[in-house]
Amino acid sequence: MFSHIMVGVNDMQASRDFYDAVLATMGHAPGVMDDKGRCLYITDTGIFALTKPINGEPAFHGNGCTIGFAAASPEVADKWHEVGLANGGTACENPPGKRESGLGDLYLAYLLDPAGNKLCALHLLG
């Protein structure tokens, strides 16, 4: 359904360091910089990108927005959360753990990235 997700950042190096670390816990390669100064995480299923806003204004997070990353297991979600906190992320929501939903049981971990974007590592328990 999606080709890419791009988030605005104010400090590219801090954001790149954060995403290189948390996405590595999920088996993704470090981001690569393009000729426009954007950092791209390219996978077989899409691209996650970081950019300074092209209008020159400061980046800010979307209130009510969450970007979800698929975690292969609850242990991967826990490691993602731990590494995120150690690399400039901030805990938000409840601590990582099992939640019941209409989709079945989920294992969720939430963080705010250095720019304040809300992220979630999600593993579908069944």
N, C-alpha and C. Protein backbone atom coordinates (compact mmCIF):
# COMPACT_ATOMS: atom_id res chain seq x y z
N MET A 1 0.81 -1.20 0.00
CA MET A 1 0.00 0.00 0.00
C MET A 1 0.86 1.26 0.00
N PHE A 2 1.95 1.27 0.74
CA PHE A 2 2.77 2.47 0.83
C PHE A 2 4.08 2.26 0.08
N SER A 3 4.54 3.30 -0.59
CA SER A 3 5.83 3.25 -1.25
C SER A 3 6.93 3.77 -0.34
N HIS A 4 6.57 4.78 0.48
CA HIS A 4 7.56 5.36 1.38
C HIS A 4 6.88 6.16 2.48
N ILE A 5 7.64 6.37 3.53
CA ILE A 5 7.24 7.26 4.62
C ILE A 5 8.42 8.19 4.84
N MET A 6 8.15 9.49 4.90
CA MET A 6 9.20 10.46 5.13
C MET A 6 8.83 11.30 6.34
N VAL A 7 9.78 11.47 7.25
CA VAL A 7 9.54 12.31 8.42
C VAL A 7 10.52 13.46 8.41
N GLY A 8 10.06 14.59 8.89
CA GLY A 8 10.90 15.76 9.01
C GLY A 8 11.74 15.70 10.27
N VAL A 9 12.97 16.16 10.16
CA VAL A 9 13.89 16.20 11.29
C VAL A 9 14.58 17.56 11.33
N ASN A 10 15.02 17.96 12.51
CA ASN A 10 15.77 19.20 12.66
C ASN A 10 17.26 18.94 12.76
N ASP A 11 17.65 17.84 13.37
CA ASP A 11 19.05 17.46 13.55
C ASP A 11 19.25 16.14 12.82
N MET A 12 19.73 16.22 11.58
CA MET A 12 19.87 15.02 10.76
C MET A 12 20.79 14.00 11.41
N GLN A 13 21.92 14.43 11.96
CA GLN A 13 22.86 13.46 12.52
C GLN A 13 22.26 12.74 13.73
N ALA A 14 21.60 13.46 14.62
CA ALA A 14 20.98 12.82 15.79
C ALA A 14 19.89 11.85 15.35
N SER A 15 19.09 12.26 14.37
CA SER A 15 18.02 11.39 13.89
C SER A 15 18.59 10.18 13.16
N ARG A 16 19.61 10.39 12.35
CA ARG A 16 20.22 9.26 11.64
C ARG A 16 20.84 8.27 12.63
N ASP A 17 21.53 8.78 13.63
CA ASP A 17 22.12 7.89 14.65
C ASP A 17 21.03 7.07 15.33
N PHE A 18 19.93 7.72 15.69
CA PHE A 18 18.81 7.05 16.35
C PHE A 18 18.24 5.96 15.45
N TYR A 19 17.89 6.30 14.21
CA TYR A 19 17.25 5.32 13.32
C TYR A 19 18.22 4.22 12.88
N ASP A 20 19.50 4.55 12.67
CA ASP A 20 20.47 3.49 12.37
C ASP A 20 20.46 2.46 13.49
N ALA A 21 20.43 2.92 14.73
CA ALA A 21 20.48 2.02 15.88
C ALA A 21 19.20 1.21 16.03
N VAL A 22 18.03 1.87 16.03
CA VAL A 22 16.79 1.12 16.27
C VAL A 22 16.44 0.21 15.11
N LEU A 23 16.68 0.66 13.88
CA LEU A 23 16.34 -0.19 12.74
C LEU A 23 17.30 -1.36 12.59
N ALA A 24 18.52 -1.22 13.09
CA ALA A 24 19.47 -2.35 13.09
C ALA A 24 18.94 -3.50 13.94
N THR A 25 18.20 -3.19 15.02
CA THR A 25 17.64 -4.26 15.86
C THR A 25 16.62 -5.09 15.11
N MET A 26 16.11 -4.56 14.00
CA MET A 26 15.13 -5.26 13.18
C MET A 26 15.75 -5.82 11.90
N GLY A 27 17.08 -5.76 11.82
CA GLY A 27 17.79 -6.34 10.68
C GLY A 27 17.96 -5.43 9.49
N HIS A 28 17.73 -4.13 9.65
CA HIS A 28 17.84 -3.19 8.53
C HIS A 28 19.22 -2.56 8.48
N ALA A 29 19.69 -2.29 7.29
CA ALA A 29 20.98 -1.65 7.07
C ALA A 29 20.92 -0.18 7.48
N PRO A 30 22.09 0.41 7.77
CA PRO A 30 22.11 1.85 8.06
C PRO A 30 21.56 2.66 6.90
N GLY A 31 21.07 3.84 7.22
CA GLY A 31 20.56 4.73 6.19
C GLY A 31 21.66 5.23 5.28
N VAL A 32 21.27 5.59 4.07
CA VAL A 32 22.22 6.17 3.11
C VAL A 32 21.74 7.58 2.78
N MET A 33 22.69 8.48 2.63
CA MET A 33 22.36 9.87 2.32
C MET A 33 22.27 10.03 0.81
N ASP A 34 21.25 10.76 0.36
CA ASP A 34 21.15 11.05 -1.07
C ASP A 34 21.74 12.43 -1.35
N ASP A 35 21.73 12.85 -2.61
CA ASP A 35 22.35 14.12 -2.99
C ASP A 35 21.55 15.34 -2.53
N LYS A 36 20.36 15.14 -1.97
CA LYS A 36 19.55 16.24 -1.45
C LYS A 36 19.63 16.33 0.07
N GLY A 37 20.51 15.52 0.69
CA GLY A 37 20.68 15.57 2.13
C GLY A 37 19.66 14.77 2.92
N ARG A 38 18.93 13.89 2.24
CA ARG A 38 17.95 13.04 2.92
C ARG A 38 18.61 11.71 3.27
N CYS A 39 18.17 11.12 4.36
CA CYS A 39 18.66 9.80 4.78
C CYS A 39 17.59 8.78 4.44
N LEU A 40 17.98 7.75 3.68
CA LEU A 40 17.02 6.75 3.18
C LEU A 40 17.34 5.36 3.73
N TYR A 41 16.30 4.69 4.20
CA TYR A 41 16.37 3.29 4.62
C TYR A 41 15.56 2.52 3.60
N ILE A 42 16.25 1.84 2.71
CA ILE A 42 15.60 1.20 1.56
C ILE A 42 15.47 -0.30 1.83
N THR A 43 14.23 -0.82 1.71
CA THR A 43 13.96 -2.24 1.91
C THR A 43 13.24 -2.78 0.69
N ASP A 44 13.00 -4.07 0.69
CA ASP A 44 12.26 -4.69 -0.41
C ASP A 44 10.81 -4.24 -0.47
N THR A 45 10.28 -3.73 0.63
CA THR A 45 8.86 -3.38 0.69
C THR A 45 8.60 -1.88 0.74
N GLY A 46 9.63 -1.07 0.75
CA GLY A 46 9.42 0.37 0.77
C GLY A 46 10.62 1.12 1.32
N ILE A 47 10.45 2.42 1.45
CA ILE A 47 11.52 3.31 1.90
C ILE A 47 11.02 4.11 3.09
N PHE A 48 11.86 4.20 4.11
CA PHE A 48 11.64 5.10 5.23
C PHE A 48 12.71 6.17 5.10
N ALA A 49 12.31 7.45 5.14
CA ALA A 49 13.25 8.53 4.87
C ALA A 49 13.17 9.63 5.91
N LEU A 50 14.31 10.28 6.12
CA LEU A 50 14.43 11.44 6.99
C LEU A 50 14.81 12.63 6.14
N THR A 51 14.21 13.78 6.41
CA THR A 51 14.55 14.98 5.65
C THR A 51 14.34 16.23 6.50
N LYS A 52 15.14 17.23 6.22
CA LYS A 52 14.83 18.55 6.76
C LYS A 52 13.71 19.09 5.86
N PRO A 53 12.71 19.77 6.43
CA PRO A 53 11.60 20.26 5.61
C PRO A 53 12.09 21.15 4.46
N ILE A 54 11.52 20.91 3.28
CA ILE A 54 11.97 21.66 2.10
C ILE A 54 11.53 23.13 2.12
N ASN A 55 10.56 23.45 3.00
CA ASN A 55 10.12 24.84 3.07
C ASN A 55 11.00 25.68 4.00
N GLY A 56 12.03 25.05 4.61
CA GLY A 56 12.95 25.78 5.47
C GLY A 56 12.45 26.01 6.88
N GLU A 57 11.21 25.65 7.15
CA GLU A 57 10.66 25.80 8.49
C GLU A 57 11.12 24.63 9.37
N PRO A 58 11.05 24.77 10.69
CA PRO A 58 11.44 23.66 11.57
C PRO A 58 10.49 22.46 11.39
N ALA A 59 11.05 21.28 11.54
CA ALA A 59 10.23 20.06 11.54
C ALA A 59 9.50 19.96 12.87
N PHE A 60 8.31 19.39 12.84
CA PHE A 60 7.59 19.12 14.08
C PHE A 60 6.77 17.86 13.87
N HIS A 61 6.49 17.19 14.97
CA HIS A 61 5.78 15.90 14.90
C HIS A 61 4.29 16.12 14.67
N GLY A 62 3.64 15.09 14.14
CA GLY A 62 2.21 15.13 13.92
C GLY A 62 1.47 14.62 15.14
N ASN A 63 0.65 15.46 15.73
CA ASN A 63 -0.13 15.05 16.89
C ASN A 63 -1.19 14.05 16.44
N GLY A 64 -1.17 12.86 17.00
CA GLY A 64 -2.10 11.81 16.61
C GLY A 64 -1.52 10.85 15.59
N CYS A 65 -0.29 11.10 15.13
CA CYS A 65 0.36 10.24 14.14
C CYS A 65 1.27 9.24 14.83
N THR A 66 1.32 8.02 14.32
CA THR A 66 2.25 7.00 14.79
C THR A 66 2.80 6.27 13.57
N ILE A 67 4.10 6.04 13.57
CA ILE A 67 4.74 5.24 12.53
C ILE A 67 5.07 3.90 13.15
N GLY A 68 4.54 2.83 12.56
CA GLY A 68 4.73 1.49 13.11
C GLY A 68 5.74 0.68 12.32
N PHE A 69 6.62 0.01 13.04
CA PHE A 69 7.62 -0.88 12.45
C PHE A 69 7.31 -2.30 12.89
N ALA A 70 7.37 -3.23 11.95
CA ALA A 70 7.10 -4.64 12.25
C ALA A 70 8.28 -5.24 12.99
N ALA A 71 7.98 -5.87 14.13
CA ALA A 71 9.00 -6.57 14.91
C ALA A 71 8.78 -8.07 14.76
N ALA A 72 9.86 -8.81 14.56
CA ALA A 72 9.77 -10.25 14.34
C ALA A 72 9.37 -11.02 15.60
N SER A 73 9.53 -10.41 16.76
CA SER A 73 9.21 -11.08 18.02
C SER A 73 9.09 -10.04 19.12
N PRO A 74 8.51 -10.41 20.28
CA PRO A 74 8.50 -9.49 21.41
C PRO A 74 9.92 -9.10 21.85
N GLU A 75 10.85 -10.04 21.73
CA GLU A 75 12.24 -9.74 22.11
C GLU A 75 12.86 -8.67 21.22
N VAL A 76 12.54 -8.71 19.93
CA VAL A 76 13.02 -7.68 19.01
C VAL A 76 12.40 -6.34 19.38
N ALA A 77 11.12 -6.31 19.70
CA ALA A 77 10.46 -5.06 20.11
C ALA A 77 11.10 -4.50 21.38
N ASP A 78 11.41 -5.38 22.33
CA ASP A 78 12.06 -4.93 23.56
C ASP A 78 13.44 -4.35 23.27
N LYS A 79 14.22 -5.02 22.42
CA LYS A 79 15.56 -4.55 22.08
C LYS A 79 15.46 -3.21 21.34
N TRP A 80 14.50 -3.10 20.41
CA TRP A 80 14.26 -1.86 19.68
C TRP A 80 14.02 -0.71 20.66
N HIS A 81 13.17 -0.95 21.66
CA HIS A 81 12.85 0.05 22.67
C HIS A 81 14.09 0.43 23.48
N GLU A 82 14.81 -0.58 23.94
CA GLU A 82 16.01 -0.36 24.75
C GLU A 82 17.06 0.44 23.97
N VAL A 83 17.31 0.05 22.74
CA VAL A 83 18.29 0.74 21.91
C VAL A 83 17.82 2.15 21.58
N GLY A 84 16.54 2.32 21.35
CA GLY A 84 15.99 3.64 21.09
C GLY A 84 16.21 4.60 22.25
N LEU A 85 15.96 4.12 23.47
CA LEU A 85 16.18 4.95 24.65
C LEU A 85 17.65 5.33 24.80
N ALA A 86 18.53 4.41 24.46
CA ALA A 86 19.97 4.65 24.59
C ALA A 86 20.51 5.56 23.49
N ASN A 87 19.71 5.84 22.46
CA ASN A 87 20.18 6.62 21.32
C ASN A 87 19.34 7.87 21.07
N GLY A 88 18.80 8.44 22.12
CA GLY A 88 18.12 9.73 22.00
C GLY A 88 16.61 9.67 21.94
N GLY A 89 16.02 8.46 22.00
CA GLY A 89 14.57 8.33 22.02
C GLY A 89 14.02 8.58 23.42
N THR A 90 12.71 8.79 23.48
CA THR A 90 12.02 9.04 24.74
C THR A 90 10.87 8.07 24.86
N ALA A 91 10.73 7.47 26.03
CA ALA A 91 9.61 6.54 26.26
C ALA A 91 8.30 7.31 26.22
N CYS A 92 7.27 6.67 25.69
CA CYS A 92 5.93 7.23 25.71
C CYS A 92 4.94 6.08 25.77
N GLU A 93 3.69 6.40 26.03
CA GLU A 93 2.65 5.37 26.18
C GLU A 93 2.99 4.48 27.37
N ASN A 94 2.47 3.27 27.36
CA ASN A 94 2.77 2.29 28.40
C ASN A 94 4.10 1.62 28.10
N PRO A 95 4.70 0.96 29.11
CA PRO A 95 5.93 0.21 28.83
C PRO A 95 5.66 -0.88 27.79
N PRO A 96 6.70 -1.35 27.11
CA PRO A 96 6.51 -2.43 26.14
C PRO A 96 5.76 -3.61 26.77
N GLY A 97 4.85 -4.20 26.00
CA GLY A 97 4.12 -5.34 26.52
C GLY A 97 2.95 -5.75 25.65
N LYS A 98 2.28 -6.77 26.11
CA LYS A 98 1.13 -7.35 25.41
C LYS A 98 -0.09 -6.46 25.57
N ARG A 99 -0.83 -6.29 24.48
CA ARG A 99 -2.10 -5.55 24.50
C ARG A 99 -3.13 -6.38 23.74
N GLU A 100 -4.35 -6.32 24.18
CA GLU A 100 -5.44 -6.98 23.46
C GLU A 100 -6.05 -5.98 22.49
N SER A 101 -6.41 -6.47 21.31
CA SER A 101 -7.05 -5.59 20.32
C SER A 101 -7.99 -6.41 19.46
N GLY A 102 -8.75 -5.73 18.64
CA GLY A 102 -9.64 -6.39 17.71
C GLY A 102 -8.89 -7.17 16.63
N LEU A 103 -7.59 -6.91 16.50
CA LEU A 103 -6.75 -7.63 15.54
C LEU A 103 -6.16 -8.91 16.14
N GLY A 104 -6.38 -9.11 17.42
CA GLY A 104 -5.74 -10.20 18.15
C GLY A 104 -4.78 -9.60 19.16
N ASP A 105 -4.07 -10.45 19.85
CA ASP A 105 -3.11 -9.96 20.83
C ASP A 105 -1.88 -9.40 20.13
N LEU A 106 -1.44 -8.24 20.60
CA LEU A 106 -0.30 -7.55 20.04
C LEU A 106 0.76 -7.35 21.10
N TYR A 107 2.00 -7.31 20.69
CA TYR A 107 3.08 -6.88 21.58
C TYR A 107 3.56 -5.56 21.02
N LEU A 108 3.50 -4.49 21.83
CA LEU A 108 3.79 -3.14 21.37
C LEU A 108 4.85 -2.48 22.23
N ALA A 109 5.68 -1.67 21.60
CA ALA A 109 6.66 -0.83 22.29
C ALA A 109 6.62 0.53 21.60
N TYR A 110 6.53 1.60 22.37
CA TYR A 110 6.42 2.95 21.83
C TYR A 110 7.61 3.82 22.23
N LEU A 111 8.00 4.70 21.32
CA LEU A 111 9.05 5.69 21.56
C LEU A 111 8.72 6.97 20.82
N LEU A 112 9.30 8.07 21.28
CA LEU A 112 9.38 9.29 20.49
C LEU A 112 10.80 9.39 19.97
N ASP A 113 10.96 9.70 18.68
CA ASP A 113 12.31 9.86 18.13
C ASP A 113 12.85 11.23 18.54
N PRO A 114 14.11 11.55 18.19
CA PRO A 114 14.68 12.84 18.60
C PRO A 114 13.90 14.06 18.12
N ALA A 115 13.10 13.93 17.05
CA ALA A 115 12.30 15.06 16.56
C ALA A 115 10.89 15.05 17.13
N GLY A 116 10.57 14.06 18.00
CA GLY A 116 9.24 14.00 18.61
C GLY A 116 8.24 13.17 17.86
N ASN A 117 8.64 12.49 16.77
CA ASN A 117 7.73 11.62 16.05
C ASN A 117 7.45 10.37 16.87
N LYS A 118 6.18 9.98 16.94
CA LYS A 118 5.78 8.81 17.71
C LYS A 118 5.97 7.56 16.87
N LEU A 119 6.67 6.58 17.45
CA LEU A 119 6.99 5.33 16.78
C LEU A 119 6.46 4.16 17.59
N CYS A 120 6.23 3.05 16.91
CA CYS A 120 5.79 1.84 17.57
C CYS A 120 6.47 0.64 16.91
N ALA A 121 6.96 -0.28 17.74
CA ALA A 121 7.39 -1.59 17.25
C ALA A 121 6.24 -2.54 17.58
N LEU A 122 5.73 -3.26 16.59
CA LEU A 122 4.57 -4.10 16.76
C LEU A 122 4.86 -5.53 16.33
N HIS A 123 4.49 -6.47 17.19
CA HIS A 123 4.54 -7.88 16.85
C HIS A 123 3.15 -8.46 17.10
N LEU A 124 2.58 -9.07 16.08
CA LEU A 124 1.26 -9.70 16.19
C LEU A 124 1.44 -11.06 16.86
N LEU A 125 0.84 -11.21 18.04
CA LEU A 125 0.97 -12.46 18.81
C LEU A 125 0.01 -13.54 18.32
N GLY A 126 -1.09 -13.13 17.75
CA GLY A 126 -2.01 -14.15 17.23
C GLY A 126 -3.41 -14.01 17.67
